[in-house]
Amino acid sequence: MKKNKIDKPLSNHPFLHYNANDMNNEVWLTVQQVMQNFKISKSTVYRLSKKHAIPSYKLGNMRMYPKNLINRIFITQSLKNIKDFNNYNLD
């Protein structure tokens, strides 16, 4: 029997905590807008949201995503990947 793995939110993620000023200046995107802005598929958006890799908020029946926060998360992850690649020893 397959075990159901429950994904826990990244509560200690440094970019998931931001102040009220960030909320006032935040641009909120729908799933379609996230797909267009970040060039990712709908299934990727939902998968990242389900894994709590990107934050989302449900307003009524629409799920909304904070653009600036997602941008910071993707940039941080990209820089981490570059750093890991540069540390990779080819010997």
Protein backbone atom coordinates (compact mmCIF):
# COMPACT_ATOMS: atom_id res chain seq x y z
CA MET A 1 0.00 0.00 0.00
CA LYS A 2 1.30 3.43 -0.93
CA LYS A 3 1.89 5.83 1.94
CA ASN A 4 0.57 9.34 1.60
CA LYS A 5 3.41 11.77 2.09
CA ILE A 6 2.31 15.03 3.62
CA ASP A 7 4.35 18.02 2.52
CA LYS A 8 5.07 20.38 5.36
CA PRO A 9 5.31 24.13 4.72
CA LEU A 10 8.72 25.73 4.79
CA SER A 11 8.04 27.77 7.91
CA ASN A 12 11.69 28.67 8.37
CA HIS A 13 12.15 29.83 4.76
CA PRO A 14 13.64 33.34 5.00
CA PHE A 15 11.59 34.75 2.12
CA LEU A 16 8.23 33.57 3.42
CA HIS A 17 8.39 36.11 6.23
CA TYR A 18 7.93 39.70 5.21
CA ASN A 19 6.55 42.84 6.76
CA ALA A 20 3.42 44.90 6.13
CA ASN A 21 5.22 47.25 3.72
CA ASP A 22 5.95 44.31 1.45
CA MET A 23 2.24 43.43 1.47
CA ASN A 24 1.21 46.96 0.47
CA ASN A 25 3.54 46.95 -2.54
CA GLU A 26 2.92 43.32 -3.54
CA VAL A 27 1.58 42.46 -6.99
CA TRP A 28 -0.84 39.53 -6.83
CA LEU A 29 -1.04 37.10 -9.75
CA THR A 30 -3.50 34.45 -10.84
CA VAL A 31 -2.34 31.01 -12.00
CA GLN A 32 -2.46 32.16 -15.64
CA GLN A 33 -0.36 35.24 -14.89
CA VAL A 34 2.21 33.17 -12.97
CA MET A 35 2.44 30.85 -15.98
CA GLN A 36 3.07 33.78 -18.32
CA ASN A 37 5.46 35.73 -16.08
CA PHE A 38 7.66 32.82 -15.07
CA LYS A 39 7.27 30.67 -18.21
CA ILE A 40 6.15 27.57 -16.32
CA SER A 41 3.24 25.21 -16.87
CA LYS A 42 0.03 25.11 -14.87
CA SER A 43 0.95 21.74 -13.39
CA THR A 44 4.30 23.16 -12.22
CA VAL A 45 2.55 26.08 -10.51
CA TYR A 46 0.19 23.72 -8.69
CA ARG A 47 2.99 21.28 -7.80
CA LEU A 48 5.18 24.05 -6.33
CA SER A 49 2.20 25.42 -4.44
CA LYS A 50 1.30 21.97 -3.08
CA LYS A 51 4.91 21.42 -1.92
CA HIS A 52 4.81 24.88 -0.30
CA ALA A 53 7.82 25.88 -2.41
CA ILE A 54 5.91 29.01 -3.47
CA PRO A 55 3.30 30.75 -1.33
CA SER A 56 -0.28 31.06 -2.45
CA TYR A 57 -3.42 32.46 -0.90
CA LYS A 58 -6.97 31.54 -1.68
CA LEU A 59 -9.29 34.50 -2.16
CA GLY A 60 -12.79 33.20 -2.72
CA ASN A 61 -12.42 30.50 -5.35
CA MET A 62 -9.24 31.98 -6.86
CA ARG A 63 -5.71 31.16 -5.81
CA MET A 64 -3.43 34.21 -5.80
CA TYR A 65 0.38 34.30 -5.81
CA PRO A 66 2.63 37.16 -4.63
CA LYS A 67 4.84 38.05 -7.62
CA ASN A 68 7.74 39.75 -5.82
CA LEU A 69 8.01 37.02 -3.22
CA ILE A 70 7.99 34.24 -5.83
CA ASN A 71 10.58 36.18 -7.82
CA ARG A 72 12.88 36.34 -4.77
CA ILE A 73 12.42 32.61 -4.09
CA PHE A 74 13.25 31.65 -7.70
CA ILE A 75 16.30 33.95 -7.80
CA THR A 76 17.60 32.58 -4.49
CA GLN A 77 17.14 29.00 -5.69
CA SER A 78 18.90 29.79 -8.99
CA LEU A 79 21.86 31.35 -7.18
CA LYS A 80 22.04 28.34 -4.88
CA ASN A 81 22.10 26.03 -7.91
CA ILE A 82 24.90 28.06 -9.50
CA LYS A 83 26.88 27.99 -6.25
CA ASP A 84 26.40 24.20 -5.96
CA PHE A 85 27.49 23.77 -9.58
CA ASN A 86 30.61 25.87 -9.05
CA ASN A 87 31.49 23.81 -5.98
CA TYR A 88 31.11 20.56 -7.94
CA ASN A 89 34.52 18.94 -8.33
CA LEU A 90 35.14 17.56 -11.82
CA ASP A 91 38.17 15.48 -10.80
